[in-house]
Amino acid sequence: MLALTLENTAAATYTKQMGELTSKEALSAVATIAPVERQHAAILSYVLGDYPVPDTFVKFAKSDTSLGAQTPSALTAG
């Protein structure tokens, strides 16, 4: 849990600093690091049992499409 808090705090700090930086090199470095911190947080969330990606748009069920994703018409037919 502490590791997740640290990753989220680091990512938020880097993201916030993007608006404050004036050097292109510094902004580039921060813009490269922030997404990696978010990836770390997503992996830790998953390991801790919280799936980090919402399933709002994809519902899984028996179907003919790949990975069991339902077609848009199947979602509205119910």
Protein backbone atom coordinates (compact mmCIF):
# COMPACT_ATOMS: atom_id res chain seq x y z
CA MET A 1 0.00 0.00 0.00
CA LEU A 2 2.87 2.38 0.82
CA ALA A 3 4.47 1.70 -2.58
CA LEU A 4 1.21 2.58 -4.35
CA THR A 5 0.93 5.81 -2.39
CA LEU A 6 4.51 6.70 -3.28
CA GLU A 7 3.98 5.99 -6.98
CA ASN A 8 0.76 8.03 -7.09
CA THR A 9 2.42 10.90 -5.23
CA ALA A 10 5.43 10.85 -7.53
CA ALA A 11 3.24 10.81 -10.64
CA ALA A 12 1.09 13.68 -9.33
CA THR A 13 4.20 15.69 -8.46
CA TYR A 14 5.73 15.24 -11.91
CA THR A 15 2.43 16.06 -13.61
CA LYS A 16 1.93 19.21 -11.55
CA GLN A 17 5.45 20.41 -12.27
CA MET A 18 4.89 20.20 -16.03
CA GLY A 19 2.97 23.48 -15.83
CA GLU A 20 5.74 25.18 -13.86
CA LEU A 21 8.79 24.27 -15.94
CA THR A 22 10.19 26.56 -18.60
CA SER A 23 13.17 24.54 -19.81
CA LYS A 24 12.39 22.25 -22.73
CA GLU A 25 14.87 19.69 -21.43
CA ALA A 26 13.31 19.64 -17.96
CA LEU A 27 9.79 19.46 -19.37
CA SER A 28 10.82 16.62 -21.65
CA ALA A 29 12.34 14.70 -18.74
CA VAL A 30 9.28 15.17 -16.53
CA ALA A 31 6.92 14.27 -19.40
CA THR A 32 8.87 11.04 -19.83
CA ILE A 33 8.96 10.11 -16.15
CA ALA A 34 5.33 10.86 -15.17
CA PRO A 35 3.73 8.17 -17.38
CA VAL A 36 6.18 5.58 -16.07
CA GLU A 37 5.15 6.42 -12.50
CA ARG A 38 1.49 6.00 -13.52
CA GLN A 39 2.33 2.62 -15.07
CA HIS A 40 3.98 1.55 -11.82
CA ALA A 41 0.87 2.65 -9.91
CA ALA A 42 -1.38 0.71 -12.29
CA ILE A 43 0.66 -2.46 -11.86
CA LEU A 44 0.66 -2.09 -8.08
CA SER A 45 -3.10 -1.51 -8.11
CA TYR A 46 -3.55 -4.71 -10.07
CA VAL A 47 -1.29 -6.67 -7.73
CA LEU A 48 -3.30 -5.33 -4.78
CA GLY A 49 -6.51 -6.62 -6.37
CA ASP A 50 -7.87 -3.40 -7.88
CA TYR A 51 -8.08 -3.64 -11.66
CA PRO A 52 -6.70 -0.24 -12.82
CA VAL A 53 -8.67 -0.03 -16.08
CA PRO A 54 -12.41 0.61 -15.92
CA ASP A 55 -14.56 -1.90 -17.79
CA THR A 56 -17.19 0.68 -18.69
CA PHE A 57 -17.03 0.14 -22.43
CA VAL A 58 -16.25 -3.54 -22.79
CA LYS A 59 -18.49 -6.26 -21.41
CA PHE A 60 -17.29 -9.84 -21.65
CA ALA A 61 -19.59 -12.70 -22.40
CA LYS A 62 -19.86 -15.61 -24.77
CA SER A 63 -19.65 -14.23 -28.30
CA ASP A 64 -18.07 -14.74 -31.71
CA THR A 65 -15.74 -11.76 -31.40
CA SER A 66 -12.17 -11.91 -30.15
CA LEU A 67 -11.66 -12.22 -26.41
CA GLY A 68 -15.38 -12.49 -25.82
CA ALA A 69 -16.09 -8.78 -26.24
CA GLN A 70 -19.66 -8.14 -27.24
CA THR A 71 -20.51 -6.16 -30.34
CA PRO A 72 -22.19 -2.76 -29.83
CA SER A 73 -25.50 -4.13 -31.13
CA ALA A 74 -25.39 -6.96 -28.56
CA LEU A 75 -24.94 -4.44 -25.77
CA THR A 76 -28.05 -2.46 -26.72
CA ALA A 77 -30.20 -5.50 -27.57
CA GLY A 78 -30.72 -6.54 -23.95
